[in-house]
Amino acid sequence: ISISSEFPALSKASFQLLIPFTTTYKCEVGFSVLTKIKTKFRSRLNAAPDVRVALSSCKLDWNAILENK
């Protein structure tokens, strides 16, 4: 991204080539998570909170959380 001003054509071509793979990957991961949750917790009506947690990329500092209890 930092070289996009130096090589705009190459940057644009690489984005057009690489972006579909990342979005397809995210879509596949989301679908897999949803099917896993829906089969594991079939009786739940709303799977959105579980999907949100499963797809989240934040890392929790468990030591800090447990120290504050």
PDB file of N, CA and C in Angstrom:
ATOM      1  N   ILE A   1       0.830  -1.183   0.000  1.00  0.00           N
ATOM      2  CA  ILE A   1       0.000   0.000   0.000  1.00  0.00           C
ATOM      3  C   ILE A   1       0.875   1.246   0.000  1.00  0.00           C
ATOM      4  N   SER A   2       2.035   1.180   0.631  1.00  0.00           N
ATOM      5  CA  SER A   2       2.896   2.360   0.702  1.00  0.00           C
ATOM      6  C   SER A   2       3.526   2.690  -0.645  1.00  0.00           C
ATOM      7  N   ILE A   3       3.582   1.732  -1.561  1.00  0.00           N
ATOM      8  CA  ILE A   3       4.176   2.018  -2.868  1.00  0.00           C
ATOM      9  C   ILE A   3       3.122   2.319  -3.928  1.00  0.00           C
ATOM     10  N   SER A   4       1.884   2.450  -3.524  1.00  0.00           N
ATOM     11  CA  SER A   4       0.821   2.676  -4.506  1.00  0.00           C
ATOM     12  C   SER A   4       0.981   3.995  -5.247  1.00  0.00           C
ATOM     13  N   SER A   5       1.620   4.984  -4.618  1.00  0.00           N
ATOM     14  CA  SER A   5       1.836   6.252  -5.323  1.00  0.00           C
ATOM     15  C   SER A   5       2.947   6.123  -6.358  1.00  0.00           C
ATOM     16  N   GLU A   6       3.910   5.228  -6.120  1.00  0.00           N
ATOM     17  CA  GLU A   6       5.001   5.033  -7.080  1.00  0.00           C
ATOM     18  C   GLU A   6       4.565   4.172  -8.259  1.00  0.00           C
ATOM     19  N   PHE A   7       3.780   3.152  -7.996  1.00  0.00           N
ATOM     20  CA  PHE A   7       3.356   2.218  -9.030  1.00  0.00           C
ATOM     21  C   PHE A   7       1.833   2.070  -9.000  1.00  0.00           C
ATOM     22  N   PRO A   8       1.109   3.068  -9.477  1.00  0.00           N
ATOM     23  CA  PRO A   8      -0.354   3.013  -9.367  1.00  0.00           C
ATOM     24  C   PRO A   8      -0.992   1.888 -10.183  1.00  0.00           C
ATOM     25  N   ALA A   9      -0.470   1.618 -11.373  1.00  0.00           N
ATOM     26  CA  ALA A   9      -1.068   0.571 -12.208  1.00  0.00           C
ATOM     27  C   ALA A   9      -0.846  -0.808 -11.592  1.00  0.00           C
ATOM     28  N   LEU A  10       0.364  -1.042 -11.105  1.00  0.00           N
ATOM     29  CA  LEU A  10       0.671  -2.321 -10.472  1.00  0.00           C
ATOM     30  C   LEU A  10      -0.130  -2.491  -9.182  1.00  0.00           C
ATOM     31  N   SER A  11      -0.258  -1.417  -8.438  1.00  0.00           N
ATOM     32  CA  SER A  11      -1.022  -1.457  -7.195  1.00  0.00           C
ATOM     33  C   SER A  11      -2.486  -1.781  -7.467  1.00  0.00           C
ATOM     34  N   LYS A  12      -3.062  -1.136  -8.461  1.00  0.00           N
ATOM     35  CA  LYS A  12      -4.466  -1.376  -8.798  1.00  0.00           C
ATOM     36  C   LYS A  12      -4.675  -2.813  -9.274  1.00  0.00           C
ATOM     37  N   ALA A  13      -3.753  -3.294 -10.110  1.00  0.00           N
ATOM     38  CA  ALA A  13      -3.872  -4.663 -10.617  1.00  0.00           C
ATOM     39  C   ALA A  13      -3.739  -5.688  -9.498  1.00  0.00           C
ATOM     40  N   SER A  14      -2.821  -5.436  -8.578  1.00  0.00           N
ATOM     41  CA  SER A  14      -2.645  -6.390  -7.480  1.00  0.00           C
ATOM     42  C   SER A  14      -3.861  -6.396  -6.557  1.00  0.00           C
ATOM     43  N   PHE A  15      -4.442  -5.225  -6.300  1.00  0.00           N
ATOM     44  CA  PHE A  15      -5.652  -5.182  -5.472  1.00  0.00           C
ATOM     45  C   PHE A  15      -6.800  -5.932  -6.142  1.00  0.00           C
ATOM     46  N   GLN A  16      -6.952  -5.736  -7.438  1.00  0.00           N
ATOM     47  CA  GLN A  16      -8.037  -6.413  -8.149  1.00  0.00           C
ATOM     48  C   GLN A  16      -7.833  -7.924  -8.168  1.00  0.00           C
ATOM     49  N   LEU A  17      -6.574  -8.356  -8.120  1.00  0.00           N
ATOM     50  CA  LEU A  17      -6.286  -9.785  -8.130  1.00  0.00           C
ATOM     51  C   LEU A  17      -6.411 -10.398  -6.742  1.00  0.00           C
ATOM     52  N   LEU A  18      -5.957  -9.696  -5.712  1.00  0.00           N
ATOM     53  CA  LEU A  18      -5.872 -10.283  -4.375  1.00  0.00           C
ATOM     54  C   LEU A  18      -7.116 -10.088  -3.512  1.00  0.00           C
ATOM     55  N   ILE A  19      -7.826  -8.994  -3.672  1.00  0.00           N
ATOM     56  CA  ILE A  19      -8.983  -8.713  -2.821  1.00  0.00           C
ATOM     57  C   ILE A  19     -10.074  -9.785  -2.924  1.00  0.00           C
ATOM     58  N   PRO A  20     -10.407 -10.305  -4.098  1.00  0.00           N
ATOM     59  CA  PRO A  20     -11.448 -11.347  -4.136  1.00  0.00           C
ATOM     60  C   PRO A  20     -11.099 -12.582  -3.307  1.00  0.00           C
ATOM     61  N   PHE A  21      -9.815 -12.933  -3.222  1.00  0.00           N
ATOM     62  CA  PHE A  21      -9.436 -14.102  -2.433  1.00  0.00           C
ATOM     63  C   PHE A  21      -9.679 -13.874  -0.950  1.00  0.00           C
ATOM     64  N   THR A  22      -9.368 -12.682  -0.455  1.00  0.00           N
ATOM     65  CA  THR A  22      -9.581 -12.428   0.967  1.00  0.00           C
ATOM     66  C   THR A  22     -11.063 -12.345   1.297  1.00  0.00           C
ATOM     67  N   THR A  23     -11.847 -11.739   0.419  1.00  0.00           N
ATOM     68  CA  THR A  23     -13.278 -11.654   0.702  1.00  0.00           C
ATOM     69  C   THR A  23     -13.937 -13.027   0.580  1.00  0.00           C
ATOM     70  N   THR A  24     -13.497 -13.842  -0.370  1.00  0.00           N
ATOM     71  CA  THR A  24     -14.023 -15.199  -0.493  1.00  0.00           C
ATOM     72  C   THR A  24     -13.649 -16.019   0.729  1.00  0.00           C
ATOM     73  N   TYR A  25     -12.420 -15.851   1.198  1.00  0.00           N
ATOM     74  CA  TYR A  25     -11.964 -16.565   2.394  1.00  0.00           C
ATOM     75  C   TYR A  25     -12.814 -16.184   3.597  1.00  0.00           C
ATOM     76  N   LYS A  26     -13.044 -14.880   3.784  1.00  0.00           N
ATOM     77  CA  LYS A  26     -13.860 -14.425   4.916  1.00  0.00           C
ATOM     78  C   LYS A  26     -15.286 -14.972   4.812  1.00  0.00           C
ATOM     79  N   CYS A  27     -15.816 -15.008   3.616  1.00  0.00           N
ATOM     80  CA  CYS A  27     -17.168 -15.534   3.407  1.00  0.00           C
ATOM     81  C   CYS A  27     -17.219 -17.021   3.753  1.00  0.00           C
ATOM     82  N   GLU A  28     -16.221 -17.783   3.307  1.00  0.00           N
ATOM     83  CA  GLU A  28     -16.172 -19.210   3.602  1.00  0.00           C
ATOM     84  C   GLU A  28     -16.022 -19.465   5.096  1.00  0.00           C
ATOM     85  N   VAL A  29     -15.175 -18.682   5.763  1.00  0.00           N
ATOM     86  CA  VAL A  29     -14.991 -18.839   7.206  1.00  0.00           C
ATOM     87  C   VAL A  29     -16.295 -18.530   7.933  1.00  0.00           C
ATOM     88  N   GLY A  30     -16.944 -17.453   7.539  1.00  0.00           N
ATOM     89  CA  GLY A  30     -18.214 -17.094   8.160  1.00  0.00           C
ATOM     90  C   GLY A  30     -19.273 -18.161   7.969  1.00  0.00           C
ATOM     91  N   PHE A  31     -19.344 -18.713   6.782  1.00  0.00           N
ATOM     92  CA  PHE A  31     -20.325 -19.765   6.513  1.00  0.00           C
ATOM     93  C   PHE A  31     -20.018 -21.014   7.331  1.00  0.00           C
ATOM     94  N   SER A  32     -18.730 -21.378   7.419  1.00  0.00           N
ATOM     95  CA  SER A  32     -18.347 -22.552   8.203  1.00  0.00           C
ATOM     96  C   SER A  32     -18.674 -22.363   9.677  1.00  0.00           C
ATOM     97  N   VAL A  33     -18.399 -21.170  10.190  1.00  0.00           N
ATOM     98  CA  VAL A  33     -18.706 -20.881  11.592  1.00  0.00           C
ATOM     99  C   VAL A  33     -20.209 -20.963  11.824  1.00  0.00           C
ATOM    100  N   LEU A  34     -20.979 -20.391  10.927  1.00  0.00           N
ATOM    101  CA  LEU A  34     -22.437 -20.406  11.083  1.00  0.00           C
ATOM    102  C   LEU A  34     -22.987 -21.825  11.049  1.00  0.00           C
ATOM    103  N   THR A  35     -22.519 -22.656  10.120  1.00  0.00           N
ATOM    104  CA  THR A  35     -23.022 -24.031  10.061  1.00  0.00           C
ATOM    105  C   THR A  35     -22.610 -24.824  11.295  1.00  0.00           C
ATOM    106  N   LYS A  36     -21.405 -24.573  11.799  1.00  0.00           N
ATOM    107  CA  LYS A  36     -20.965 -25.263  13.022  1.00  0.00           C
ATOM    108  C   LYS A  36     -21.827 -24.855  14.212  1.00  0.00           C
ATOM    109  N   ILE A  37     -22.091 -23.566  14.331  1.00  0.00           N
ATOM    110  CA  ILE A  37     -22.904 -23.076  15.444  1.00  0.00           C
ATOM    111  C   ILE A  37     -24.339 -23.574  15.323  1.00  0.00           C
ATOM    112  N   LYS A  38     -24.889 -23.524  14.125  1.00  0.00           N
ATOM    113  CA  LYS A  38     -26.292 -23.921  13.959  1.00  0.00           C
ATOM    114  C   LYS A  38     -26.478 -25.418  14.186  1.00  0.00           C
ATOM    115  N   THR A  39     -25.477 -26.246  13.894  1.00  0.00           N
ATOM    116  CA  THR A  39     -25.633 -27.667  14.176  1.00  0.00           C
ATOM    117  C   THR A  39     -25.368 -27.962  15.646  1.00  0.00           C
ATOM    118  N   LYS A  40     -24.460 -27.210  16.269  1.00  0.00           N
ATOM    119  CA  LYS A  40     -24.133 -27.442  17.676  1.00  0.00           C
ATOM    120  C   LYS A  40     -25.242 -26.922  18.591  1.00  0.00           C
ATOM    121  N   PHE A  41     -25.774 -25.758  18.270  1.00  0.00           N
ATOM    122  CA  PHE A  41     -26.806 -25.126  19.088  1.00  0.00           C
ATOM    123  C   PHE A  41     -28.085 -24.971  18.272  1.00  0.00           C
ATOM    124  N   ARG A  42     -28.599 -26.045  17.788  1.00  0.00           N
ATOM    125  CA  ARG A  42     -29.726 -25.967  16.872  1.00  0.00           C
ATOM    126  C   ARG A  42     -30.952 -25.323  17.505  1.00  0.00           C
ATOM    127  N   SER A  43     -31.103 -25.427  18.804  1.00  0.00           N
ATOM    128  CA  SER A  43     -32.303 -24.896  19.434  1.00  0.00           C
ATOM    129  C   SER A  43     -32.278 -23.377  19.574  1.00  0.00           C
ATOM    130  N   ARG A  44     -31.134 -22.750  19.372  1.00  0.00           N
ATOM    131  CA  ARG A  44     -31.077 -21.286  19.486  1.00  0.00           C
ATOM    132  C   ARG A  44     -31.665 -20.633  18.245  1.00  0.00           C
ATOM    133  N   LEU A  45     -32.386 -19.568  18.463  1.00  0.00           N
ATOM    134  CA  LEU A  45     -32.991 -18.860  17.341  1.00  0.00           C
ATOM    135  C   LEU A  45     -32.058 -17.818  16.745  1.00  0.00           C
ATOM    136  N   ASN A  46     -31.204 -17.202  17.577  1.00  0.00           N
ATOM    137  CA  ASN A  46     -30.345 -16.117  17.115  1.00  0.00           C
ATOM    138  C   ASN A  46     -28.883 -16.533  17.245  1.00  0.00           C
ATOM    139  N   ALA A  47     -28.211 -16.753  16.123  1.00  0.00           N
ATOM    140  CA  ALA A  47     -26.811 -17.174  16.138  1.00  0.00           C
ATOM    141  C   ALA A  47     -25.857 -15.999  15.989  1.00  0.00           C
ATOM    142  N   ALA A  48     -26.368 -14.783  15.841  1.00  0.00           N
ATOM    143  CA  ALA A  48     -25.514 -13.621  15.576  1.00  0.00           C
ATOM    144  C   ALA A  48     -24.448 -13.385  16.646  1.00  0.00           C
ATOM    145  N   PRO A  49     -24.761 -13.450  17.943  1.00  0.00           N
ATOM    146  CA  PRO A  49     -23.700 -13.224  18.937  1.00  0.00           C
ATOM    147  C   PRO A  49     -22.583 -14.260  18.861  1.00  0.00           C
ATOM    148  N   ASP A  50     -22.937 -15.519  18.627  1.00  0.00           N
ATOM    149  CA  ASP A  50     -21.924 -16.559  18.529  1.00  0.00           C
ATOM    150  C   ASP A  50     -21.056 -16.378  17.292  1.00  0.00           C
ATOM    151  N   VAL A  51     -21.659 -15.994  16.176  1.00  0.00           N
ATOM    152  CA  VAL A  51     -20.898 -15.757  14.949  1.00  0.00           C
ATOM    153  C   VAL A  51     -19.974 -14.562  15.132  1.00  0.00           C
ATOM    154  N   ARG A  52     -20.459 -13.516  15.783  1.00  0.00           N
ATOM    155  CA  ARG A  52     -19.644 -12.325  16.019  1.00  0.00           C
ATOM    156  C   ARG A  52     -18.399 -12.670  16.837  1.00  0.00           C
ATOM    157  N   VAL A  53     -18.569 -13.463  17.877  1.00  0.00           N
ATOM    158  CA  VAL A  53     -17.432 -13.862  18.713  1.00  0.00           C
ATOM    159  C   VAL A  53     -16.483 -14.761  17.936  1.00  0.00           C
ATOM    160  N   ALA A  54     -17.015 -15.680  17.161  1.00  0.00           N
ATOM    161  CA  ALA A  54     -16.170 -16.611  16.419  1.00  0.00           C
ATOM    162  C   ALA A  54     -15.359 -15.920  15.338  1.00  0.00           C
ATOM    163  N   LEU A  55     -15.907 -14.878  14.721  1.00  0.00           N
ATOM    164  CA  LEU A  55     -15.202 -14.187  13.644  1.00  0.00           C
ATOM    165  C   LEU A  55     -14.370 -13.014  14.133  1.00  0.00           C
ATOM    166  N   SER A  56     -14.431 -12.704  15.415  1.00  0.00           N
ATOM    167  CA  SER A  56     -13.676 -11.584  15.967  1.00  0.00           C
ATOM    168  C   SER A  56     -12.186 -11.891  15.949  1.00  0.00           C
ATOM    169  N   SER A  57     -11.394 -10.879  15.656  1.00  0.00           N
ATOM    170  CA  SER A  57      -9.943 -11.076  15.625  1.00  0.00           C
ATOM    171  C   SER A  57      -9.256 -10.471  16.840  1.00  0.00           C
ATOM    172  N   CYS A  58     -10.007 -10.000  17.812  1.00  0.00           N
ATOM    173  CA  CYS A  58      -9.380  -9.407  18.998  1.00  0.00           C
ATOM    174  C   CYS A  58      -8.915 -10.510  19.943  1.00  0.00           C
ATOM    175  N   LYS A  59      -7.799 -10.259  20.598  1.00  0.00           N
ATOM    176  CA  LYS A  59      -7.221 -11.200  21.551  1.00  0.00           C
ATOM    177  C   LYS A  59      -7.447 -10.673  22.960  1.00  0.00           C
ATOM    178  N   LEU A  60      -7.944 -11.512  23.824  1.00  0.00           N
ATOM    179  CA  LEU A  60      -8.220 -11.106  25.196  1.00  0.00           C
ATOM    180  C   LEU A  60      -7.004 -11.344  26.081  1.00  0.00           C
ATOM    181  N   ASP A  61      -6.782 -10.437  27.009  1.00  0.00           N
ATOM    182  CA  ASP A  61      -5.730 -10.587  28.006  1.00  0.00           C
ATOM    183  C   ASP A  61      -6.367 -11.204  29.245  1.00  0.00           C
ATOM    184  N   TRP A  62      -6.412 -12.527  29.275  1.00  0.00           N
ATOM    185  CA  TRP A  62      -7.109 -13.227  30.348  1.00  0.00           C
ATOM    186  C   TRP A  62      -6.512 -12.938  31.715  1.00  0.00           C
ATOM    187  N   ASN A  63      -5.189 -12.776  31.791  1.00  0.00           N
ATOM    188  CA  ASN A  63      -4.560 -12.485  33.084  1.00  0.00           C
ATOM    189  C   ASN A  63      -5.084 -11.179  33.665  1.00  0.00           C
ATOM    190  N   ALA A  64      -5.181 -10.150  32.841  1.00  0.00           N
ATOM    191  CA  ALA A  64      -5.689  -8.857  33.308  1.00  0.00           C
ATOM    192  C   ALA A  64      -7.164  -8.952  33.689  1.00  0.00           C
ATOM    193  N   ILE A  65      -7.916  -9.707  32.937  1.00  0.00           N
ATOM    194  CA  ILE A  65      -9.338  -9.865  33.232  1.00  0.00           C
ATOM    195  C   ILE A  65      -9.528 -10.587  34.562  1.00  0.00           C
ATOM    196  N   LEU A  66      -8.754 -11.638  34.777  1.00  0.00           N
ATOM    197  CA  LEU A  66      -8.897 -12.413  36.009  1.00  0.00           C
ATOM    198  C   LEU A  66      -8.371 -11.669  37.230  1.00  0.00           C
ATOM    199  N   GLU A  67      -7.373 -10.807  37.049  1.00  0.00           N
ATOM    200  CA  GLU A  67      -6.846 -10.023  38.165  1.00  0.00           C
ATOM    201  C   GLU A  67      -7.863  -9.005  38.667  1.00  0.00           C
ATOM    202  N   ASN A  68      -8.711  -8.505  37.792  1.00  0.00           N
ATOM    203  CA  ASN A  68      -9.696  -7.487  38.162  1.00  0.00           C
ATOM    204  C   ASN A  68     -10.920  -8.063  38.851  1.00  0.00           C
ATOM    205  N   LYS A  69     -11.036  -9.366  38.951  1.00  0.00           N
ATOM    206  CA  LYS A  69     -12.213  -9.979  39.592  1.00  0.00           C
ATOM    207  C   LYS A  69     -12.207  -9.786  41.066  1.00  0.00           C
TER     208      LYS A  69
END
